[in-house]
Amino acid sequence: MCRLRRGGFVPKTLLLIAIFLLIVPVCFCADLNFEKGRARLILDDVSKDIDKNYFDPTFGGMDWKAMVAETRQKIDAAQNTNQIYTAIFALVNKLGNSHTMFMAPGRIVDISFGFNAKAYGDRIYIYEIKKKSSAEAAGLKEGDQILSVNGFNAVRDSFDLMMLYFRVLHPAHALDIEYSRNGGASQKLHLEAKVREKAAVTDLTDSFNFWDMLRDIESDNEVTYHYKMEGDIGYLQIPRFVYYDDGFISGLLKKVSNSKAIVVDLRGNPGGAVKALEDIAGYFEPQPVVVADLQGRKKPEQIKVKPKNPNLPVPMVILVDSQSFSCAELFARHFQREGRAIVVGDHTAGYATAANFYSHKVGVDTIVPYGVQVATARVIFPGNEDLEKKGVTPDQLCLPTSADLAAGKDPCKDKAYAIAADLIKKGTAQSAAGK
């Protein structure tokens, strides 16, 4: 998600609603009327947040007020909690925007299965197994191809959203996974999650990012940025766009400031803050430039980049993958459009809308959070280019194989270094020819 201050064998909307129905616990209880009353209040908050802040006041021609009224009727007629919160979820999902999502109350547990997987082209592979995790104990391995999860086909266009719902929005305590190893016959396993209870009261602010929570991260000490040098080629990995003070970023960049070319790794980057995008891009821009316009309800704003020191106006190779979202997509596409970078990897997600998360709480004795993430502005490049639902097409496609992942190889990083070295050679030859 760029913060301000793609569905398989069934339609994506139907898939996600079906997932939601599977996860939300059924409650045939005496307190159903109480739950309905609470849901009406939640609906009021969610609908008002969207009505006030969604970038398109026409809602794509849909009658938002009528849709909200219909949702209220569905809550009144609901027979269980499944139907109550599915009604609100379905309302928000009808907008069809990657950054507009409803998070129902009750997310007070951390769910960990111990593996991470994503799309490589049209296939879903596991690329990481956590040590001493449920996934490791069950026998899953890097390079395994996931075929289905809880009966839903694992396909590129819906896998990230599916796992986001299983892991974040309404955590599932178990997954039934069908997978294939080394192209062999399909296998099945039942994977129980490790569950960690959290405090019921959680501070969810507009910095909340659903996509940042997609991966199964068991450690709170994940490295945010890192660098290294190999010869004349610098390497900078940016796992997310988080704003730090200038001293931190400039200090990091100084360590690769002597590079004749640089590889910027944005694979798995879920986005972050526009301010961080502007600041980090400034170290690679020799001149002030407008990257894109933010078009929403208010007066249009611009994403502007100003040169910063140390400045590295050197050839760039940018690595992306299917989980490069939002600000990561904007960064890659900007320098690709400028002719400053060669983009290598997989086609990006196409989740490129500016958004804020609007947080609320419900309860008296026990307070639990809920809220809605709302797309507040379209991000438009010069020439009216919009990456939402389109993404960034790499200049050179690179997809690791199952064997690569199983062996811990990174052929795309190797390719990026080879391209960077070639750019240096070409630059040296051109300089010599000009003398």
Protein backbone atom coordinates (compact mmCIF):
# COMPACT_ATOMS: atom_id res chain seq x y z
CA MET A 1 0.00 0.00 0.00
CA CYS A 2 1.23 3.45 -0.82
CA ARG A 3 0.07 5.38 2.19
CA LEU A 4 -0.65 9.12 2.12
CA ARG A 5 0.81 11.53 5.13
CA ARG A 6 -5.60 -10.05 -9.66
CA GLY A 7 -9.53 -14.80 -9.38
CA GLY A 8 -8.64 -18.39 -10.37
CA PHE A 9 -11.29 -20.90 -11.40
CA VAL A 10 -14.08 -18.88 -9.83
CA PRO A 11 -14.64 -15.12 -9.81
CA LYS A 12 -12.43 -13.43 -7.22
CA THR A 13 -15.33 -11.85 -5.35
CA LEU A 14 -17.09 -15.19 -4.96
CA LEU A 15 -13.85 -16.87 -3.95
CA LEU A 16 -13.13 -14.39 -1.18
CA ILE A 17 -16.68 -14.45 0.13
CA ALA A 18 -16.50 -18.25 0.24
CA ILE A 19 -13.23 -18.03 2.16
CA PHE A 20 -14.76 -15.56 4.55
CA LEU A 21 -17.66 -17.91 5.20
CA LEU A 22 -15.27 -20.75 5.97
CA ILE A 23 -13.25 -18.75 8.48
CA VAL A 24 -15.75 -16.75 10.51
CA PRO A 25 -16.95 -18.96 13.39
CA VAL A 26 -20.61 -19.93 13.34
CA CYS A 27 -22.56 -18.84 16.40
CA PHE A 28 -26.08 -20.13 17.00
CA CYS A 29 -26.29 -18.30 20.30
CA ALA A 30 -28.66 -16.25 22.39
CA ASP A 31 -26.51 -13.19 21.76
CA LEU A 32 -27.13 -13.09 18.02
CA ASN A 33 -29.28 -9.99 18.39
CA PHE A 34 -26.45 -8.33 20.32
CA GLU A 35 -24.03 -9.24 17.52
CA LYS A 36 -26.40 -7.78 14.96
CA GLY A 37 -26.58 -4.53 16.92
CA ARG A 38 -22.81 -4.33 17.05
CA ALA A 39 -22.57 -5.11 13.34
CA ARG A 40 -24.94 -2.23 12.52
CA LEU A 41 -22.63 0.16 14.35
CA ILE A 42 -19.63 -1.31 12.54
CA LEU A 43 -21.44 -0.95 9.23
CA ASP A 44 -22.11 2.71 10.02
CA ASP A 45 -18.41 3.37 10.68
CA VAL A 46 -17.17 1.43 7.65
CA SER A 47 -19.70 2.90 5.22
CA LYS A 48 -19.02 6.44 6.44
CA ASP A 49 -15.24 6.01 6.12
CA ILE A 50 -15.67 4.82 2.54
CA ASP A 51 -18.34 7.37 1.65
CA LYS A 52 -16.11 10.19 2.88
CA ASN A 53 -12.70 9.03 1.68
CA TYR A 54 -12.96 6.67 -1.32
CA PHE A 55 -11.22 8.28 -4.28
CA ASP A 56 -14.21 7.90 -6.61
CA PRO A 57 -17.29 9.72 -5.25
CA THR A 58 -19.43 8.05 -7.95
CA PHE A 59 -18.30 4.57 -6.82
CA GLY A 60 -17.98 3.51 -10.44
CA GLY A 61 -21.66 4.24 -11.03
CA MET A 62 -22.86 2.11 -8.12
CA ASP A 63 -25.44 3.42 -5.65
CA TRP A 64 -23.43 3.30 -2.43
CA LYS A 65 -26.27 4.36 -0.13
CA ALA A 66 -28.57 1.73 -1.58
CA MET A 67 -25.83 -0.88 -1.21
CA VAL A 68 -25.35 0.05 2.45
CA ALA A 69 -29.11 -0.12 3.07
CA GLU A 70 -29.22 -3.56 1.44
CA THR A 71 -26.34 -4.69 3.66
CA ARG A 72 -28.21 -3.51 6.75
CA GLN A 73 -31.19 -5.65 5.68
CA LYS A 74 -28.87 -8.65 5.28
CA ILE A 75 -27.56 -8.12 8.80
CA ASP A 76 -31.12 -7.96 10.16
CA ALA A 77 -32.03 -11.20 8.35
CA ALA A 78 -28.79 -13.05 9.24
CA GLN A 79 -29.10 -16.43 10.97
CA ASN A 80 -25.54 -16.56 12.30
CA THR A 81 -22.38 -14.49 12.63
CA ASN A 82 -21.07 -15.85 9.32
CA GLN A 83 -23.83 -14.07 7.48
CA ILE A 84 -23.54 -10.91 9.55
CA TYR A 85 -19.91 -10.09 8.82
CA THR A 86 -19.91 -11.60 5.35
CA ALA A 87 -22.53 -8.99 4.48
CA ILE A 88 -20.19 -6.14 5.43
CA PHE A 89 -17.21 -7.81 3.79
CA ALA A 90 -19.16 -8.33 0.56
CA LEU A 91 -20.25 -4.68 0.55
CA VAL A 92 -16.65 -3.42 0.69
CA ASN A 93 -15.41 -6.04 -1.75
CA LYS A 94 -17.91 -4.92 -4.40
CA LEU A 95 -15.77 -1.83 -4.97
CA GLY A 96 -13.19 -4.09 -6.59
CA ASN A 97 -10.14 -2.14 -5.44
CA SER A 98 -6.92 -3.76 -4.24
CA HIS A 99 -6.56 -1.39 -1.31
CA THR A 100 -10.13 -1.23 -0.01
CA MET A 101 -10.73 -3.98 2.56
CA PHE A 102 -12.76 -4.60 5.70
CA MET A 103 -11.19 -6.10 8.81
CA ALA A 104 -13.85 -7.49 11.13
CA PRO A 105 -13.48 -7.33 14.93
CA GLY A 106 -11.80 -10.10 16.82
CA ARG A 107 -8.31 -10.27 15.36
CA ILE A 108 -6.56 -10.84 18.68
CA VAL A 109 -4.33 -13.79 17.73
CA ASP A 110 -1.17 -14.18 15.69
CA ILE A 111 -1.32 -17.14 13.35
CA SER A 112 1.88 -18.78 12.09
CA PHE A 113 2.14 -21.78 9.77
CA GLY A 114 5.86 -21.33 9.18
CA PHE A 115 6.01 -21.04 5.42
CA ASN A 116 5.89 -18.37 2.77
CA ALA A 117 4.79 -18.90 -0.81
CA LYS A 118 4.09 -16.73 -3.84
CA ALA A 119 3.51 -16.81 -7.56
CA TYR A 120 6.37 -17.45 -9.94
CA GLY A 121 4.71 -16.92 -13.28
CA ASP A 122 1.50 -18.95 -13.14
CA ARG A 123 2.63 -21.36 -10.42
CA ILE A 124 2.71 -21.01 -6.64
CA TYR A 125 5.89 -22.19 -4.96
CA ILE A 126 7.04 -22.23 -1.35
CA TYR A 127 10.17 -20.13 -1.08
CA GLU A 128 10.72 -20.18 2.67
CA ILE A 129 10.24 -22.67 5.50
CA LYS A 130 10.74 -21.37 9.04
CA LYS A 131 12.92 -23.39 11.41
CA LYS A 132 11.07 -25.33 14.13
CA SER A 133 7.73 -24.43 12.56
CA SER A 134 4.55 -26.38 11.83
CA ALA A 135 5.43 -26.40 8.14
CA GLU A 136 8.87 -27.87 8.78
CA ALA A 137 7.45 -30.52 11.11
CA ALA A 138 4.82 -31.45 8.52
CA GLY A 139 7.53 -31.98 5.89
CA LEU A 140 6.95 -29.08 3.53
CA LYS A 141 10.04 -27.88 1.69
CA GLU A 142 11.22 -24.93 -0.35
CA GLY A 143 10.34 -25.48 -4.00
CA ASP A 144 7.11 -27.38 -3.28
CA GLN A 145 4.30 -26.26 -5.59
CA ILE A 146 1.07 -25.46 -3.78
CA LEU A 147 -1.93 -26.70 -5.75
CA SER A 148 -4.76 -25.85 -3.36
CA VAL A 149 -5.44 -24.53 0.12
CA ASN A 150 -8.57 -25.58 2.01
CA GLY A 151 -10.09 -26.75 -1.26
CA PHE A 152 -9.41 -23.55 -3.20
CA ASN A 153 -7.11 -23.72 -6.21
CA ALA A 154 -3.83 -21.89 -5.70
CA VAL A 155 -3.55 -19.57 -8.70
CA ARG A 156 -1.69 -16.36 -9.29
CA ASP A 157 -4.62 -13.97 -9.51
CA SER A 158 -6.08 -14.83 -6.11
CA PHE A 159 -3.38 -16.52 -4.02
CA ASP A 160 -2.12 -13.43 -2.20
CA LEU A 161 -5.62 -12.31 -1.30
CA MET A 162 -6.56 -15.83 -0.21
CA MET A 163 -3.58 -16.12 2.12
CA LEU A 164 -4.15 -12.61 3.43
CA TYR A 165 -7.62 -13.66 4.57
CA PHE A 166 -6.41 -16.95 6.03
CA ARG A 167 -3.58 -15.30 7.92
CA VAL A 168 -4.76 -11.81 8.75
CA LEU A 169 -8.37 -10.82 8.32
CA HIS A 170 -9.95 -13.89 9.92
CA PRO A 171 -7.12 -16.23 10.87
CA ALA A 172 -7.61 -19.93 10.15
CA HIS A 173 -6.16 -22.28 12.76
CA ALA A 174 -5.46 -25.02 10.19
CA LEU A 175 -4.83 -25.38 6.47
CA ASP A 176 -5.46 -28.41 4.27
CA ILE A 177 -2.76 -28.13 1.64
CA GLU A 178 -2.43 -30.03 -1.63
CA TYR A 179 1.05 -29.78 -3.10
CA SER A 180 3.48 -31.32 -5.57
CA ARG A 181 7.22 -31.89 -5.17
CA ASN A 182 9.64 -31.97 -8.08
CA GLY A 183 6.74 -32.14 -10.53
CA GLY A 184 5.52 -35.39 -9.02
CA ALA A 185 2.08 -36.58 -7.98
CA SER A 186 -0.01 -34.38 -5.72
CA GLN A 187 0.17 -34.91 -1.98
CA LYS A 188 -2.02 -33.67 0.86
CA LEU A 189 -1.36 -32.62 4.42
CA HIS A 190 -3.23 -31.01 7.30
CA LEU A 191 -1.23 -28.15 8.78
CA GLU A 192 -2.07 -26.83 12.24
CA ALA A 193 -1.08 -23.27 13.03
CA LYS A 194 0.91 -22.03 15.95
CA VAL A 195 -1.35 -19.54 17.71
CA ARG A 196 -0.17 -16.71 19.91
CA GLU A 197 -2.75 -14.74 21.84
CA LYS A 198 -2.47 -10.97 21.71
CA ALA A 199 -3.85 -8.17 23.78
CA ALA A 200 -7.45 -7.48 22.84
CA VAL A 201 -6.79 -3.76 22.64
CA THR A 202 -4.72 -2.97 19.59
CA ASP A 203 -3.79 0.40 18.21
CA LEU A 204 -4.49 0.30 14.48
CA THR A 205 -3.67 3.58 12.82
CA ASP A 206 -3.65 4.79 9.25
CA SER A 207 -0.15 3.35 8.95
CA PHE A 208 -1.68 -0.13 8.98
CA ASN A 209 -0.85 -2.03 5.80
CA PHE A 210 -2.65 -5.27 4.96
CA TRP A 211 -0.04 -6.19 2.38
CA ASP A 212 2.77 -5.76 4.88
CA MET A 213 1.11 -8.55 6.89
CA LEU A 214 0.85 -11.01 4.02
CA ARG A 215 3.99 -12.95 4.82
CA ASP A 216 4.38 -15.33 7.75
CA ILE A 217 6.84 -13.34 9.87
CA GLU A 218 7.62 -14.83 13.26
CA SER A 219 10.31 -12.36 14.25
CA ASP A 220 9.79 -8.70 15.09
CA ASN A 221 13.44 -8.02 14.23
CA GLU A 222 13.29 -8.29 10.47
CA VAL A 223 16.05 -6.34 8.75
CA THR A 224 14.53 -3.32 7.08
CA TYR A 225 17.31 -2.39 4.67
CA HIS A 226 20.66 -3.88 3.84
CA TYR A 227 23.42 -3.38 1.37
CA LYS A 228 26.69 -4.85 0.08
CA MET A 229 29.24 -4.28 -2.65
CA GLU A 230 30.61 -6.74 -5.18
CA GLY A 231 33.30 -5.10 -7.20
CA ASP A 232 31.87 -1.95 -8.73
CA ILE A 233 28.26 -3.09 -8.28
CA GLY A 234 26.26 -2.01 -5.26
CA TYR A 235 23.30 -3.98 -3.94
CA LEU A 236 20.47 -2.47 -1.91
CA GLN A 237 17.51 -4.46 -0.64
CA ILE A 238 14.42 -2.53 0.41
CA PRO A 239 11.82 -4.84 2.02
CA ARG A 240 9.35 -1.97 2.53
CA PHE A 241 9.09 1.78 2.14
CA VAL A 242 9.24 3.02 5.72
CA TYR A 243 10.31 6.55 6.48
CA TYR A 244 13.50 6.91 8.47
CA ASP A 245 15.49 10.02 9.21
CA ASP A 246 17.88 11.22 6.52
CA GLY A 247 20.91 10.18 8.53
CA PHE A 248 19.98 6.50 8.40
CA ILE A 249 19.27 6.39 4.67
CA SER A 250 22.16 8.62 3.63
CA GLY A 251 24.53 6.59 5.81
CA LEU A 252 23.38 3.42 4.11
CA LEU A 253 23.72 4.90 0.64
CA LYS A 254 27.20 6.25 1.36
CA LYS A 255 28.38 2.66 1.67
CA VAL A 256 27.51 2.04 -1.98
CA SER A 257 28.17 5.56 -3.25
CA ASN A 258 31.26 4.44 -5.21
CA SER A 259 29.20 2.00 -7.26
CA LYS A 260 29.33 2.23 -11.03
CA ALA A 261 25.97 0.46 -11.16
CA ILE A 262 23.50 -0.60 -8.49
CA VAL A 263 21.01 -3.43 -8.04
CA VAL A 264 17.89 -2.43 -6.10
CA ASP A 265 15.95 -5.43 -4.80
CA LEU A 266 12.22 -4.77 -4.35
CA ARG A 267 11.07 -8.40 -4.35
CA GLY A 268 8.46 -9.01 -1.67
CA ASN A 269 8.19 -5.29 -0.94
CA PRO A 270 4.54 -4.56 0.03
CA GLY A 271 4.84 -0.80 -0.35
CA GLY A 272 4.63 1.74 2.40
CA ALA A 273 4.58 5.49 2.66
CA VAL A 274 4.70 7.96 -0.21
CA LYS A 275 7.08 10.09 1.82
CA ALA A 276 9.54 7.18 2.03
CA LEU A 277 9.21 6.60 -1.71
CA GLU A 278 10.01 10.25 -2.42
CA ASP A 279 12.99 10.27 -0.07
CA ILE A 280 14.60 7.04 -1.23
CA ALA A 281 14.08 7.84 -4.92
CA GLY A 282 15.82 11.16 -4.32
CA TYR A 283 19.15 9.41 -3.86
CA PHE A 284 18.95 8.14 -7.44
CA GLU A 285 17.57 11.25 -9.17
CA PRO A 286 20.03 13.95 -10.31
CA GLN A 287 17.23 16.44 -11.06
CA PRO A 288 13.88 17.33 -9.47
CA VAL A 289 11.07 15.35 -11.05
CA VAL A 290 7.35 14.68 -10.67
CA VAL A 291 6.83 10.91 -10.53
CA ALA A 292 3.03 10.78 -10.66
CA ASP A 293 -0.18 12.54 -9.68
CA LEU A 294 -2.45 11.52 -6.82
CA GLN A 295 -6.04 11.95 -7.96
CA GLY A 296 -8.73 11.66 -5.31
CA ARG A 297 -11.55 13.64 -3.74
CA LYS A 298 -9.37 16.59 -2.85
CA LYS A 299 -7.16 18.82 -4.95
CA PRO A 300 -4.69 16.65 -6.92
CA GLU A 301 -1.30 16.21 -5.32
CA GLN A 302 1.97 15.14 -6.83
CA ILE A 303 4.63 12.62 -5.88
CA LYS A 304 7.73 14.78 -6.18
CA VAL A 305 11.33 13.71 -5.95
CA LYS A 306 14.22 16.03 -5.18
CA PRO A 307 17.90 15.07 -5.47
CA LYS A 308 19.54 14.02 -2.21
CA ASN A 309 23.10 13.31 -1.16
CA PRO A 310 24.83 11.01 -1.68
CA ASN A 311 23.40 11.02 -5.17
CA LEU A 312 23.81 7.88 -7.28
CA PRO A 313 22.83 8.71 -10.88
CA VAL A 314 24.32 5.41 -12.06
CA PRO A 315 22.77 2.61 -14.14
CA MET A 316 20.24 0.64 -12.11
CA VAL A 317 18.85 -2.87 -12.25
CA ILE A 318 15.64 -3.25 -10.26
CA LEU A 319 14.48 -6.67 -9.11
CA VAL A 320 10.72 -7.22 -8.74
CA ASP A 321 8.37 -10.17 -8.34
CA SER A 322 4.70 -11.04 -7.95
CA GLN A 323 4.73 -9.62 -4.42
CA SER A 324 6.18 -6.24 -5.32
CA PHE A 325 3.24 -4.02 -4.45
CA SER A 326 2.23 -0.39 -4.56
CA CYS A 327 5.13 1.98 -3.77
CA ALA A 328 7.57 -0.71 -4.93
CA GLU A 329 5.75 -0.79 -8.26
CA LEU A 330 5.80 2.99 -8.52
CA PHE A 331 9.54 3.13 -7.82
CA ALA A 332 10.33 0.46 -10.43
CA ARG A 333 8.05 1.90 -13.09
CA HIS A 334 9.30 5.46 -12.60
CA PHE A 335 12.94 4.60 -13.21
CA GLN A 336 11.96 2.21 -16.01
CA ARG A 337 10.02 5.00 -17.73
CA GLU A 338 12.94 7.38 -17.27
CA GLY A 339 15.29 4.95 -18.99
CA ARG A 340 17.38 4.84 -15.83
CA ALA A 341 16.73 1.23 -14.90
CA ILE A 342 16.33 -2.24 -16.35
CA VAL A 343 13.60 -4.08 -14.47
CA VAL A 344 14.19 -7.82 -13.97
CA GLY A 345 11.95 -10.51 -12.52
CA ASP A 346 8.25 -11.35 -12.56
CA HIS A 347 5.27 -9.17 -13.45
CA THR A 348 4.30 -7.14 -10.40
CA ALA A 349 0.97 -7.34 -8.60
CA GLY A 350 -0.84 -4.27 -9.89
CA TYR A 351 -1.85 -3.16 -6.38
CA ALA A 352 -1.07 0.49 -6.94
CA THR A 353 -3.51 2.77 -5.17
CA ALA A 354 -2.84 5.26 -2.39
CA ALA A 355 -4.77 4.32 0.75
CA ASN A 356 -5.31 4.91 4.45
CA PHE A 357 -6.49 2.57 7.18
CA TYR A 358 -9.32 3.86 9.36
CA SER A 359 -9.28 2.23 12.76
CA HIS A 360 -12.14 1.72 15.21
CA LYS A 361 -12.71 -0.23 18.43
CA VAL A 362 -15.71 -2.01 19.84
CA GLY A 363 -16.54 -3.33 23.29
CA VAL A 364 -16.61 -2.23 26.94
CA ASP A 365 -14.94 -4.85 29.16
CA THR A 366 -13.05 -6.37 26.26
CA ILE A 367 -12.15 -4.00 23.46
CA VAL A 368 -11.29 -5.39 20.05
CA PRO A 369 -10.24 -3.51 16.92
CA TYR A 370 -11.82 -3.39 13.52
CA GLY A 371 -11.54 -1.05 10.61
CA VAL A 372 -11.39 -0.49 6.91
CA GLN A 373 -8.59 0.26 4.53
CA VAL A 374 -9.78 2.75 1.92
CA ALA A 375 -8.23 3.69 -1.42
CA THR A 376 -8.05 7.47 -1.23
CA ALA A 377 -6.35 8.32 -4.54
CA ARG A 378 -5.45 6.89 -7.93
CA VAL A 379 -1.76 7.11 -8.82
CA ILE A 380 -1.42 8.38 -12.38
CA PHE A 381 1.86 8.54 -14.31
CA PRO A 382 2.37 10.97 -17.21
CA GLY A 383 0.36 9.85 -20.22
CA ASN A 384 -2.49 8.75 -17.92
CA GLU A 385 -0.78 5.46 -17.03
CA ASP A 386 -2.35 3.69 -14.07
CA LEU A 387 -0.69 0.56 -12.63
CA GLU A 388 -3.75 -0.60 -10.68
CA LYS A 389 -4.72 -4.08 -11.96
CA LYS A 390 -1.91 -3.84 -14.54
CA GLY A 391 1.37 -3.80 -12.67
CA VAL A 392 4.88 -3.43 -14.05
CA THR A 393 6.07 -5.61 -16.92
CA PRO A 394 9.77 -6.41 -16.45
CA ASP A 395 12.23 -5.66 -19.22
CA GLN A 396 13.69 -9.11 -18.70
CA LEU A 397 11.51 -11.88 -17.32
CA CYS A 398 13.15 -14.10 -14.71
CA LEU A 399 11.34 -16.91 -12.89
CA PRO A 400 13.17 -19.24 -10.49
CA THR A 401 12.27 -22.90 -10.90
CA SER A 402 11.20 -25.34 -8.23
CA ALA A 403 14.71 -26.81 -8.33
CA ASP A 404 16.25 -23.36 -7.87
CA LEU A 405 14.16 -22.72 -4.76
CA ALA A 406 14.84 -26.17 -3.33
CA ALA A 407 18.58 -25.64 -3.79
CA GLY A 408 18.52 -22.12 -2.33
CA LYS A 409 19.62 -20.56 -5.61
CA ASP A 410 18.72 -17.03 -6.71
CA PRO A 411 19.08 -16.94 -10.50
CA CYS A 412 17.33 -13.58 -10.80
CA LYS A 413 19.80 -11.88 -8.50
CA ASP A 414 22.64 -13.46 -10.49
CA LYS A 415 21.03 -12.17 -13.67
CA ALA A 416 20.70 -8.70 -12.24
CA TYR A 417 24.41 -8.62 -11.39
CA ALA A 418 25.31 -9.83 -14.88
CA ILE A 419 23.20 -7.08 -16.45
CA ALA A 420 24.72 -4.47 -14.15
CA ALA A 421 28.23 -5.61 -15.07
CA ASP A 422 27.33 -5.37 -18.75
CA LEU A 423 25.99 -1.85 -18.26
CA ILE A 424 29.28 -0.84 -16.66
CA LYS A 425 31.24 -2.28 -19.60
CA LYS A 426 29.04 -0.47 -22.09
CA GLY A 427 29.40 2.77 -20.18
CA THR A 428 33.18 2.42 -20.07
CA ALA A 429 33.31 1.67 -23.81
CA GLN A 430 31.13 4.71 -24.58
CA SER A 431 33.34 6.95 -22.43
CA ALA A 432 36.46 5.69 -24.18
CA ALA A 433 34.86 6.22 -27.60
CA GLY A 434 33.98 9.79 -26.65
CA LYS A 435 37.55 10.75 -25.78
